[in-house]
Amino acid sequence: MPETLAALLFAHVLADFVFQTNWMVANKRRPGGLALHGLVVLATAVAATGAVDLGVLWLTALHVAIDAIKARARRGLGAFLLDQAGHLATIAALALWRPMIWSDGLWAGQAALPGLMLVAAGAILATRAGGFAVGHLMEPFADHLPADVTAESLPGAGRIIGLLERGLIFALILLGQPAGVGLLIAAKSILRFGAVKDDRALSEYVIIGTLASFSWAILVAYGTLSGLTVLPPLGILPVAP
């Protein structure tokens, strides 16, 4: 069952955060957009598990149904988290219902593969999914920032900084170096201090965004470590005490 869960989680994050295009997102209310995304969900699930299973077909149908509901809801962090919670619940239910999907698939003999898939899924959740979550959280605050803030920033710099910091936090925790996260917080605080010290609104915006970004990456990293304890060891990560 853990192997099936890891493979399906990996397939999900690929379908939602790697292979889902802006066109798919913009056309979720149209049958064509939903159907194309559903094909991506099905393809990634089959590729990750190495099996064409009835449960995978049900998972695809439920994924499309959840996305159809979300497409008609208001944008925001709450809708994003509820959408992902729904997907994760269906994945967990399928892994409990048909745990043999992995053992019946083409990759069953690769003992280390589920662990590698879980690490890759965690990395994508920490970086890409974290970017969407933090973006939704900060969206209401952006309207209260000075008009010249975005004009002075490099295009896309904030997004890249967020990806890098969450990726570093994820790697530090998985490598058994959580103290490095504190150093990363200190370094970012020093670098940002001069730019935001005279603007209260901007400083609060940066603090909220930074804490949210760090918290998301830490939670995903420790969740990944917990999942690895029930999978065959990879032999490349520190052994948890």
Protein backbone atom coordinates (compact mmCIF):
# COMPACT_ATOMS: atom_id res chain seq x y z
CA MET A 1 0.00 0.00 0.00
CA PRO A 2 2.73 2.62 0.75
CA GLU A 3 4.31 1.96 -2.66
CA THR A 4 0.99 2.50 -4.44
CA LEU A 5 0.38 5.69 -2.44
CA ALA A 6 3.84 7.08 -3.25
CA ALA A 7 3.45 6.36 -6.97
CA LEU A 8 -0.02 7.90 -7.16
CA LEU A 9 1.13 10.99 -5.23
CA PHE A 10 4.04 11.41 -7.63
CA ALA A 11 1.67 11.10 -10.58
CA HIS A 12 -0.66 13.69 -9.05
CA VAL A 13 1.98 16.36 -8.51
CA LEU A 14 3.28 15.81 -12.04
CA ALA A 15 -0.22 16.19 -13.49
CA ASP A 16 -1.18 19.25 -11.43
CA PHE A 17 2.09 21.16 -11.03
CA VAL A 18 4.37 20.13 -13.91
CA PHE A 19 2.32 19.11 -16.96
CA GLN A 20 -0.78 21.25 -16.39
CA THR A 21 -0.50 24.22 -18.74
CA ASN A 22 -1.90 27.71 -18.33
CA TRP A 23 -4.36 26.90 -21.13
CA MET A 24 -5.72 23.95 -19.17
CA VAL A 25 -6.16 26.10 -16.07
CA ALA A 26 -7.89 28.87 -18.04
CA ASN A 27 -10.26 26.41 -19.73
CA LYS A 28 -11.29 24.26 -16.76
CA ARG A 29 -14.90 25.37 -17.25
CA ARG A 30 -14.92 23.95 -20.78
CA PRO A 31 -15.19 20.22 -21.54
CA GLY A 32 -12.10 20.35 -23.75
CA GLY A 33 -9.87 21.81 -21.05
CA LEU A 34 -11.09 19.35 -18.41
CA ALA A 35 -10.80 16.39 -20.77
CA LEU A 36 -7.22 17.26 -21.75
CA HIS A 37 -6.21 17.62 -18.10
CA GLY A 38 -7.95 14.31 -17.36
CA LEU A 39 -5.84 12.62 -20.03
CA VAL A 40 -2.70 14.00 -18.39
CA VAL A 41 -3.86 12.71 -14.99
CA LEU A 42 -4.52 9.26 -16.46
CA ALA A 43 -1.23 9.15 -18.36
CA THR A 44 0.88 10.13 -15.34
CA ALA A 45 -0.91 7.63 -13.08
CA VAL A 46 -0.38 4.78 -15.55
CA ALA A 47 3.25 5.75 -16.11
CA ALA A 48 4.03 6.08 -12.39
CA THR A 49 2.38 2.80 -11.34
CA GLY A 50 3.22 0.85 -14.48
CA ALA A 51 -0.33 -0.51 -14.47
CA VAL A 52 -3.64 0.08 -16.24
CA ASP A 53 -6.06 -0.52 -13.40
CA LEU A 54 -9.77 0.09 -12.85
CA GLY A 55 -8.90 2.16 -9.80
CA VAL A 56 -6.74 4.49 -11.89
CA LEU A 57 -9.72 5.15 -14.17
CA TRP A 58 -11.88 5.96 -11.14
CA LEU A 59 -9.15 8.23 -9.79
CA THR A 60 -9.03 10.14 -13.08
CA ALA A 61 -12.81 10.60 -13.10
CA LEU A 62 -12.83 11.88 -9.51
CA HIS A 63 -9.90 14.21 -10.24
CA VAL A 64 -11.80 15.75 -13.15
CA ALA A 65 -14.95 16.07 -11.03
CA ILE A 66 -13.07 17.86 -8.23
CA ASP A 67 -11.46 20.22 -10.73
CA ALA A 68 -14.84 20.96 -12.33
CA ILE A 69 -16.18 22.00 -8.92
CA LYS A 70 -13.12 24.11 -8.14
CA ALA A 71 -13.36 25.89 -11.51
CA ARG A 72 -16.69 27.35 -10.41
CA ALA A 73 -15.50 28.39 -6.96
CA ARG A 74 -13.83 31.65 -5.97
CA ARG A 75 -10.06 31.83 -6.31
CA GLY A 76 -8.00 31.90 -3.16
CA LEU A 77 -5.93 29.90 -0.73
CA GLY A 78 -8.95 28.16 0.75
CA ALA A 79 -10.11 26.88 -2.65
CA PHE A 80 -6.58 25.76 -3.51
CA LEU A 81 -6.14 23.83 -0.25
CA LEU A 82 -9.60 22.25 -0.46
CA ASP A 83 -8.92 21.18 -4.04
CA GLN A 84 -5.62 19.55 -3.10
CA ALA A 85 -7.12 17.96 0.01
CA GLY A 86 -9.82 16.40 -2.16
CA HIS A 87 -7.25 14.99 -4.56
CA LEU A 88 -5.09 13.62 -1.74
CA ALA A 89 -8.13 12.02 -0.09
CA THR A 90 -9.07 10.20 -3.30
CA ILE A 91 -5.46 9.03 -3.76
CA ALA A 92 -5.34 7.68 -0.19
CA ALA A 93 -8.71 5.98 -0.62
CA LEU A 94 -7.59 4.32 -3.85
CA ALA A 95 -4.34 3.12 -2.23
CA LEU A 96 -6.39 1.54 0.57
CA TRP A 97 -8.92 0.03 -1.84
CA ARG A 98 -6.43 -1.35 -4.36
CA PRO A 99 -3.00 -1.56 -2.72
CA MET A 100 -1.94 -4.15 -5.29
CA ILE A 101 -1.71 -1.59 -8.09
CA TRP A 102 2.02 -1.21 -7.50
CA SER A 103 2.77 -4.91 -7.01
CA ASP A 104 0.86 -5.77 -10.20
CA GLY A 105 2.60 -3.07 -12.22
CA LEU A 106 5.69 -3.06 -14.39
CA TRP A 107 7.92 -1.40 -11.78
CA ALA A 108 7.17 -3.76 -8.89
CA GLY A 109 10.72 -5.15 -8.90
CA GLN A 110 12.30 -1.72 -8.38
CA ALA A 111 12.39 -1.51 -4.58
CA ALA A 112 13.92 1.98 -4.38
CA LEU A 113 11.61 3.56 -6.96
CA PRO A 114 8.67 4.41 -4.64
CA GLY A 115 11.02 6.23 -2.28
CA LEU A 116 12.54 8.19 -5.14
CA MET A 117 9.06 9.06 -6.37
CA LEU A 118 8.10 10.28 -2.91
CA VAL A 119 11.19 12.50 -2.69
CA ALA A 120 10.48 13.92 -6.15
CA ALA A 121 6.83 14.51 -5.24
CA GLY A 122 7.88 16.26 -2.04
CA ALA A 123 10.31 18.48 -3.92
CA ILE A 124 7.61 19.53 -6.39
CA LEU A 125 5.10 20.15 -3.60
CA ALA A 126 7.63 22.20 -1.64
CA THR A 127 8.64 24.36 -4.59
CA ARG A 128 5.95 24.59 -7.26
CA ALA A 129 2.85 23.91 -5.14
CA GLY A 130 4.28 26.11 -2.40
CA GLY A 131 4.54 28.95 -4.88
CA PHE A 132 0.84 28.72 -5.69
CA ALA A 133 -0.15 28.45 -2.01
CA VAL A 134 1.95 31.43 -0.92
CA GLY A 135 0.79 33.41 -3.95
CA HIS A 136 -2.86 32.85 -3.05
CA LEU A 137 -2.15 33.83 0.57
CA MET A 138 -0.38 37.06 -0.39
CA GLU A 139 -2.76 38.14 -3.15
CA PRO A 140 -5.10 40.17 -0.89
CA PHE A 141 -2.14 42.05 0.62
CA ALA A 142 -0.58 43.00 -2.72
CA ASP A 143 -3.17 45.74 -3.31
CA HIS A 144 -1.91 47.62 -0.24
CA LEU A 145 1.70 47.85 -1.37
CA PRO A 146 3.20 51.08 -2.78
CA ALA A 147 2.69 51.40 -6.52
CA ASP A 148 6.42 51.68 -7.23
CA VAL A 149 7.43 48.42 -5.49
CA THR A 150 6.81 46.10 -8.43
CA ALA A 151 8.36 48.60 -10.83
CA GLU A 152 11.65 48.46 -8.95
CA SER A 153 11.77 44.65 -8.81
CA LEU A 154 13.32 42.37 -11.39
CA PRO A 155 10.62 40.57 -13.42
CA GLY A 156 9.90 37.18 -11.85
CA ALA A 157 12.62 37.59 -9.21
CA GLY A 158 10.28 37.02 -6.27
CA ARG A 159 8.99 33.77 -7.75
CA ILE A 160 12.50 32.46 -8.37
CA ILE A 161 13.64 33.45 -4.86
CA GLY A 162 10.68 31.59 -3.41
CA LEU A 163 11.41 28.46 -5.45
CA LEU A 164 15.07 28.51 -4.43
CA GLU A 165 14.46 29.07 -0.73
CA ARG A 166 11.82 26.33 -0.48
CA GLY A 167 14.01 23.96 -2.46
CA LEU A 168 16.96 24.63 -0.17
CA ILE A 169 14.85 24.10 2.96
CA PHE A 170 13.49 20.83 1.59
CA ALA A 171 17.01 19.60 0.75
CA LEU A 172 18.50 20.69 4.09
CA ILE A 173 15.86 18.84 6.11
CA LEU A 174 16.05 15.69 4.02
CA LEU A 175 19.83 15.69 4.34
CA GLY A 176 19.58 15.93 8.13
CA GLN A 177 20.71 19.56 8.38
CA PRO A 178 17.67 21.45 9.73
CA ALA A 179 19.94 23.99 11.48
CA GLY A 180 20.75 25.32 8.01
CA VAL A 181 17.16 26.58 7.77
CA GLY A 182 17.89 29.05 10.57
CA LEU A 183 20.92 30.33 8.72
CA LEU A 184 18.81 30.74 5.60
CA ILE A 185 16.23 32.79 7.51
CA ALA A 186 18.99 34.99 8.96
CA ALA A 187 20.61 35.52 5.58
CA LYS A 188 17.33 36.51 3.93
CA SER A 189 16.48 38.85 6.80
CA ILE A 190 19.81 40.66 6.47
CA LEU A 191 19.51 40.99 2.71
CA ARG A 192 15.92 42.28 2.91
CA PHE A 193 16.40 44.61 5.88
CA GLY A 194 17.73 47.61 3.96
CA ALA A 195 14.94 47.45 1.36
CA VAL A 196 11.96 47.24 3.73
CA LYS A 197 13.01 48.89 7.02
CA ASP A 198 11.40 52.26 6.17
CA ASP A 199 8.12 50.89 4.79
CA ARG A 200 5.89 49.17 7.33
CA ALA A 201 3.43 47.75 4.80
CA LEU A 202 6.21 46.31 2.66
CA SER A 203 8.07 44.89 5.66
CA GLU A 204 4.92 43.16 6.93
CA TYR A 205 4.27 41.81 3.45
CA VAL A 206 7.80 40.38 3.24
CA ILE A 207 7.60 38.88 6.75
CA ILE A 208 4.26 37.16 6.09
CA GLY A 209 5.40 35.82 2.73
CA THR A 210 8.73 34.60 4.09
CA LEU A 211 7.22 32.84 7.10
CA ALA A 212 4.53 31.25 4.94
CA SER A 213 7.07 30.07 2.37
CA PHE A 214 9.42 28.63 5.00
CA SER A 215 6.57 26.98 6.93
CA TRP A 216 5.19 25.31 3.80
CA ALA A 217 8.59 23.89 2.83
CA ILE A 218 9.28 22.65 6.38
CA LEU A 219 5.92 20.88 6.63
CA VAL A 220 6.35 19.21 3.24
CA ALA A 221 9.92 18.15 4.06
CA TYR A 222 8.99 16.51 7.36
CA GLY A 223 5.94 14.93 5.76
CA THR A 224 8.22 13.44 3.10
CA LEU A 225 10.58 12.10 5.77
CA SER A 226 7.64 10.49 7.56
CA GLY A 227 6.54 8.81 4.36
CA LEU A 228 10.04 7.47 3.70
CA THR A 229 9.99 5.57 7.02
CA VAL A 230 7.40 3.12 5.64
CA LEU A 231 9.17 2.60 2.31
CA PRO A 232 12.34 0.61 1.49
CA PRO A 233 15.39 2.73 2.42
CA LEU A 234 17.05 4.66 -0.36
CA GLY A 235 20.53 4.41 1.14
CA ILE A 236 21.34 8.00 0.17
CA LEU A 237 19.70 9.90 3.05
CA PRO A 238 20.68 10.06 6.75
CA VAL A 239 19.00 7.43 8.90
CA ALA A 240 16.34 9.01 11.11
CA PRO A 241 17.01 8.54 14.87
